[in-house]
């Protein structure tokens, strides 16, 4: 059952590659800003924090790092071409060898 609270906004799906790239770039920049904020908070208050607060902050920092890496990976996948020269050559050789097989 889906939650229809006013705080939950359903995601809008982008079909254009350039729009998705721009959306990911904005998300990546926001995530990088949050990572910098977490680093500043960790460096500033590492001696004054209670262990449980430090652990919670480290967990949030690690989750943000994972989010940043996933967004960066998706953005890199959008940037590189789908059919590289190696893939095209592999398919050409595969098709050529497929025709040479003995059919019983």
Foldseek 3Di string as FASTA:
>chain_A
DDDDDPVDDDDDDDDDLVVVLVVLVVVLVVLVVVLVVLVVVCVVCVPPDDPVVNVVSVVVNVVSVVVNVVSVVVSVVSPDDPQDPVNVVVVVVVVVVVVVDDDD
